[in-house]
Amino acid sequence: MGVGRLPVRVHAGDCWDTRSRCAPADADQIRALLAQGIPACPHCPPDTTLGVLE
């Protein structure tokens, strides 16, 4: 379900708000997703962790 769709939110690997539909991503993938406008999770801000500024 949802194959090929962009994620709704980007999470850090240890976020408590992830569900079974989440897949791990490396730092470069996370940066690319954030650059595409996918919002970062407010609970585990991977953008702050990686130093990505909006």
PDB file of N, CA and C in Angstrom:
ATOM      1  N   MET A   1       0.835  -1.173   0.000  1.00  0.00           N
ATOM      2  CA  MET A   1       0.000   0.000   0.000  1.00  0.00           C
ATOM      3  C   MET A   1       0.886   1.245   0.000  1.00  0.00           C
ATOM      4  N   GLY A   2       0.617   2.148  -0.911  1.00  0.00           N
ATOM      5  CA  GLY A   2       1.363   3.383  -0.964  1.00  0.00           C
ATOM      6  C   GLY A   2       2.729   3.265  -1.618  1.00  0.00           C
ATOM      7  N   VAL A   3       2.955   2.193  -2.378  1.00  0.00           N
ATOM      8  CA  VAL A   3       4.259   2.015  -3.012  1.00  0.00           C
ATOM      9  C   VAL A   3       4.520   3.175  -3.972  1.00  0.00           C
ATOM     10  N   GLY A   4       5.690   3.781  -3.824  1.00  0.00           N
ATOM     11  CA  GLY A   4       6.060   4.878  -4.691  1.00  0.00           C
ATOM     12  C   GLY A   4       5.615   6.250  -4.208  1.00  0.00           C
ATOM     13  N   ARG A   5       4.860   6.292  -3.146  1.00  0.00           N
ATOM     14  CA  ARG A   5       4.402   7.581  -2.600  1.00  0.00           C
ATOM     15  C   ARG A   5       5.467   8.165  -1.692  1.00  0.00           C
ATOM     16  N   LEU A   6       5.533   9.493  -1.669  1.00  0.00           N
ATOM     17  CA  LEU A   6       6.465  10.161  -0.765  1.00  0.00           C
ATOM     18  C   LEU A   6       6.000   9.999   0.676  1.00  0.00           C
ATOM     19  N   PRO A   7       6.931  10.004   1.610  1.00  0.00           N
ATOM     20  CA  PRO A   7       6.545   9.916   3.021  1.00  0.00           C
ATOM     21  C   PRO A   7       5.784  11.165   3.457  1.00  0.00           C
ATOM     22  N   VAL A   8       5.019  11.024   4.517  1.00  0.00           N
ATOM     23  CA  VAL A   8       4.242  12.123   5.071  1.00  0.00           C
ATOM     24  C   VAL A   8       5.094  12.951   6.019  1.00  0.00           C
ATOM     25  N   ARG A   9       6.019  12.300   6.705  1.00  0.00           N
ATOM     26  CA  ARG A   9       6.858  12.974   7.700  1.00  0.00           C
ATOM     27  C   ARG A   9       8.178  12.217   7.811  1.00  0.00           C
ATOM     28  N   VAL A  10       9.263  12.943   8.056  1.00  0.00           N
ATOM     29  CA  VAL A  10      10.582  12.335   8.212  1.00  0.00           C
ATOM     30  C   VAL A  10      10.884  12.214   9.706  1.00  0.00           C
ATOM     31  N   HIS A  11      11.271  10.998  10.125  1.00  0.00           N
ATOM     32  CA  HIS A  11      11.565  10.718  11.534  1.00  0.00           C
ATOM     33  C   HIS A  11      13.032  10.349  11.706  1.00  0.00           C
ATOM     34  N   ALA A  12      13.555  10.575  12.888  1.00  0.00           N
ATOM     35  CA  ALA A  12      14.854  10.024  13.274  1.00  0.00           C
ATOM     36  C   ALA A  12      14.640   8.551  13.621  1.00  0.00           C
ATOM     37  N   GLY A  13      15.711   7.776  13.600  1.00  0.00           N
ATOM     38  CA  GLY A  13      15.595   6.329  13.803  1.00  0.00           C
ATOM     39  C   GLY A  13      15.032   5.899  15.139  1.00  0.00           C
ATOM     40  N   ASP A  14      15.202   6.718  16.170  1.00  0.00           N
ATOM     41  CA  ASP A  14      14.747   6.304  17.499  1.00  0.00           C
ATOM     42  C   ASP A  14      13.438   6.972  17.915  1.00  0.00           C
ATOM     43  N   CYS A  15      12.692   7.509  16.964  1.00  0.00           N
ATOM     44  CA  CYS A  15      11.450   8.214  17.286  1.00  0.00           C
ATOM     45  C   CYS A  15      10.378   7.265  17.804  1.00  0.00           C
ATOM     46  N   TRP A  16       9.688   7.684  18.832  1.00  0.00           N
ATOM     47  CA  TRP A  16       8.609   6.875  19.395  1.00  0.00           C
ATOM     48  C   TRP A  16       7.341   6.949  18.536  1.00  0.00           C
ATOM     49  N   ASP A  17       7.261   7.924  17.625  1.00  0.00           N
ATOM     50  CA  ASP A  17       6.052   8.144  16.836  1.00  0.00           C
ATOM     51  C   ASP A  17       6.069   7.418  15.488  1.00  0.00           C
ATOM     52  N   THR A  18       7.005   6.493  15.290  1.00  0.00           N
ATOM     53  CA  THR A  18       7.023   5.741  14.038  1.00  0.00           C
ATOM     54  C   THR A  18       6.063   4.570  14.147  1.00  0.00           C
ATOM     55  N   ARG A  19       5.639   4.122  13.004  1.00  0.00           N
ATOM     56  CA  ARG A  19       4.698   2.995  12.962  1.00  0.00           C
ATOM     57  C   ARG A  19       5.259   1.920  12.040  1.00  0.00           C
ATOM     58  N   SER A  20       4.517   0.888  11.799  1.00  0.00           N
ATOM     59  CA  SER A  20       4.998  -0.230  10.999  1.00  0.00           C
ATOM     60  C   SER A  20       5.249   0.141   9.539  1.00  0.00           C
ATOM     61  N   ARG A  21       4.725   1.252   9.085  1.00  0.00           N
ATOM     62  CA  ARG A  21       4.922   1.653   7.689  1.00  0.00           C
ATOM     63  C   ARG A  21       6.189   2.481   7.492  1.00  0.00           C
ATOM     64  N   CYS A  22       6.961   2.678   8.514  1.00  0.00           N
ATOM     65  CA  CYS A  22       8.181   3.480   8.423  1.00  0.00           C
ATOM     66  C   CYS A  22       9.328   2.624   7.913  1.00  0.00           C
ATOM     67  N   ALA A  23      10.225   3.261   7.178  1.00  0.00           N
ATOM     68  CA  ALA A  23      11.421   2.589   6.685  1.00  0.00           C
ATOM     69  C   ALA A  23      12.631   3.444   7.047  1.00  0.00           C
ATOM     70  N   PRO A  24      13.741   2.806   7.390  1.00  0.00           N
ATOM     71  CA  PRO A  24      14.923   3.582   7.741  1.00  0.00           C
ATOM     72  C   PRO A  24      15.512   4.291   6.520  1.00  0.00           C
ATOM     73  N   ALA A  25      16.126   5.413   6.771  1.00  0.00           N
ATOM     74  CA  ALA A  25      16.785   6.183   5.717  1.00  0.00           C
ATOM     75  C   ALA A  25      18.121   6.676   6.249  1.00  0.00           C
ATOM     76  N   ASP A  26      19.080   6.819   5.350  1.00  0.00           N
ATOM     77  CA  ASP A  26      20.361   7.355   5.804  1.00  0.00           C
ATOM     78  C   ASP A  26      20.308   8.882   5.794  1.00  0.00           C
ATOM     79  N   ALA A  27      21.354   9.502   6.292  1.00  0.00           N
ATOM     80  CA  ALA A  27      21.365  10.963   6.448  1.00  0.00           C
ATOM     81  C   ALA A  27      21.172  11.686   5.122  1.00  0.00           C
ATOM     82  N   ASP A  28      21.775  11.189   4.040  1.00  0.00           N
ATOM     83  CA  ASP A  28      21.624  11.832   2.731  1.00  0.00           C
ATOM     84  C   ASP A  28      20.180  11.739   2.231  1.00  0.00           C
ATOM     85  N   GLN A  29      19.537  10.601   2.442  1.00  0.00           N
ATOM     86  CA  GLN A  29      18.133  10.441   2.049  1.00  0.00           C
ATOM     87  C   GLN A  29      17.241  11.384   2.849  1.00  0.00           C
ATOM     88  N   ILE A  30      17.517  11.520   4.133  1.00  0.00           N
ATOM     89  CA  ILE A  30      16.727  12.413   4.979  1.00  0.00           C
ATOM     90  C   ILE A  30      16.877  13.852   4.502  1.00  0.00           C
ATOM     91  N   ARG A  31      18.100  14.264   4.207  1.00  0.00           N
ATOM     92  CA  ARG A  31      18.324  15.620   3.694  1.00  0.00           C
ATOM     93  C   ARG A  31      17.560  15.846   2.386  1.00  0.00           C
ATOM     94  N   ALA A  32      17.572  14.856   1.497  1.00  0.00           N
ATOM     95  CA  ALA A  32      16.869  14.974   0.218  1.00  0.00           C
ATOM     96  C   ALA A  32      15.363  15.087   0.430  1.00  0.00           C
ATOM     97  N   LEU A  33      14.822  14.290   1.336  1.00  0.00           N
ATOM     98  CA  LEU A  33      13.382  14.345   1.616  1.00  0.00           C
ATOM     99  C   LEU A  33      12.993  15.696   2.204  1.00  0.00           C
ATOM    100  N   LEU A  34      13.806  16.198   3.124  1.00  0.00           N
ATOM    101  CA  LEU A  34      13.523  17.505   3.711  1.00  0.00           C
ATOM    102  C   LEU A  34      13.603  18.597   2.642  1.00  0.00           C
ATOM    103  N   ALA A  35      14.551  18.478   1.713  1.00  0.00           N
ATOM    104  CA  ALA A  35      14.698  19.450   0.626  1.00  0.00           C
ATOM    105  C   ALA A  35      13.494  19.418  -0.322  1.00  0.00           C
ATOM    106  N   GLN A  36      12.827  18.270  -0.399  1.00  0.00           N
ATOM    107  CA  GLN A  36      11.632  18.127  -1.237  1.00  0.00           C
ATOM    108  C   GLN A  36      10.388  18.689  -0.561  1.00  0.00           C
ATOM    109  N   GLY A  37      10.550  19.107   0.674  1.00  0.00           N
ATOM    110  CA  GLY A  37       9.415  19.697   1.380  1.00  0.00           C
ATOM    111  C   GLY A  37       8.670  18.761   2.304  1.00  0.00           C
ATOM    112  N   ILE A  38       9.188  17.546   2.501  1.00  0.00           N
ATOM    113  CA  ILE A  38       8.563  16.623   3.444  1.00  0.00           C
ATOM    114  C   ILE A  38       8.869  17.154   4.843  1.00  0.00           C
ATOM    115  N   PRO A  39       7.845  17.362   5.675  1.00  0.00           N
ATOM    116  CA  PRO A  39       8.099  17.935   6.999  1.00  0.00           C
ATOM    117  C   PRO A  39       8.816  16.967   7.943  1.00  0.00           C
ATOM    118  N   ALA A  40       9.593  17.542   8.834  1.00  0.00           N
ATOM    119  CA  ALA A  40      10.273  16.759   9.861  1.00  0.00           C
ATOM    120  C   ALA A  40       9.312  16.513  11.017  1.00  0.00           C
ATOM    121  N   CYS A  41       9.478  15.392  11.664  1.00  0.00           N
ATOM    122  CA  CYS A  41       8.674  15.057  12.836  1.00  0.00           C
ATOM    123  C   CYS A  41       8.944  16.080  13.940  1.00  0.00           C
ATOM    124  N   PRO A  42       7.908  16.588  14.586  1.00  0.00           N
ATOM    125  CA  PRO A  42       8.122  17.546  15.663  1.00  0.00           C
ATOM    126  C   PRO A  42       8.619  16.903  16.962  1.00  0.00           C
ATOM    127  N   HIS A  43       8.512  15.573  17.056  1.00  0.00           N
ATOM    128  CA  HIS A  43       8.903  14.870  18.284  1.00  0.00           C
ATOM    129  C   HIS A  43      10.380  14.493  18.301  1.00  0.00           C
ATOM    130  N   CYS A  44      10.958  14.232  17.130  1.00  0.00           N
ATOM    131  CA  CYS A  44      12.350  13.772  17.032  1.00  0.00           C
ATOM    132  C   CYS A  44      13.068  14.545  15.925  1.00  0.00           C
ATOM    133  N   PRO A  45      13.044  15.813  15.915  1.00  0.00           N
ATOM    134  CA  PRO A  45      13.420  16.627  14.758  1.00  0.00           C
ATOM    135  C   PRO A  45      14.721  16.210  14.067  1.00  0.00           C
ATOM    136  N   PRO A  46      14.627  15.353  13.040  1.00  0.00           N
ATOM    137  CA  PRO A  46      15.851  14.919  12.344  1.00  0.00           C
ATOM    138  C   PRO A  46      16.529  16.092  11.626  1.00  0.00           C
ATOM    139  N   ASP A  47      15.769  17.113  11.266  1.00  0.00           N
ATOM    140  CA  ASP A  47      16.384  18.262  10.616  1.00  0.00           C
ATOM    141  C   ASP A  47      17.330  18.992  11.571  1.00  0.00           C
ATOM    142  N   THR A  48      16.946  19.097  12.821  1.00  0.00           N
ATOM    143  CA  THR A  48      17.805  19.733  13.826  1.00  0.00           C
ATOM    144  C   THR A  48      19.025  18.860  14.104  1.00  0.00           C
ATOM    145  N   THR A  49      18.811  17.556  14.227  1.00  0.00           N
ATOM    146  CA  THR A  49      19.890  16.613  14.504  1.00  0.00           C
ATOM    147  C   THR A  49      20.939  16.658  13.397  1.00  0.00           C
ATOM    148  N   LEU A  50      20.475  16.770  12.148  1.00  0.00           N
ATOM    149  CA  LEU A  50      21.397  16.774  11.010  1.00  0.00           C
ATOM    150  C   LEU A  50      21.911  18.170  10.673  1.00  0.00           C
ATOM    151  N   GLY A  51      21.383  19.181  11.330  1.00  0.00           N
ATOM    152  CA  GLY A  51      21.829  20.540  11.063  1.00  0.00           C
ATOM    153  C   GLY A  51      21.264  21.127   9.790  1.00  0.00           C
ATOM    154  N   VAL A  52      20.107  20.624   9.353  1.00  0.00           N
ATOM    155  CA  VAL A  52      19.468  21.132   8.146  1.00  0.00           C
ATOM    156  C   VAL A  52      18.648  22.344   8.498  1.00  0.00           C
ATOM    157  N   LEU A  53      18.936  23.465   7.864  1.00  0.00           N
ATOM    158  CA  LEU A  53      18.186  24.683   8.106  1.00  0.00           C
ATOM    159  C   LEU A  53      17.177  24.878   6.993  1.00  0.00           C
ATOM    160  N   GLU A  54      15.998  25.340   7.353  1.00  0.00           N
ATOM    161  CA  GLU A  54      14.967  25.562   6.343  1.00  0.00           C
ATOM    162  C   GLU A  54      15.178  26.874   5.636  1.00  0.00           C
TER     163      GLU A  54
END
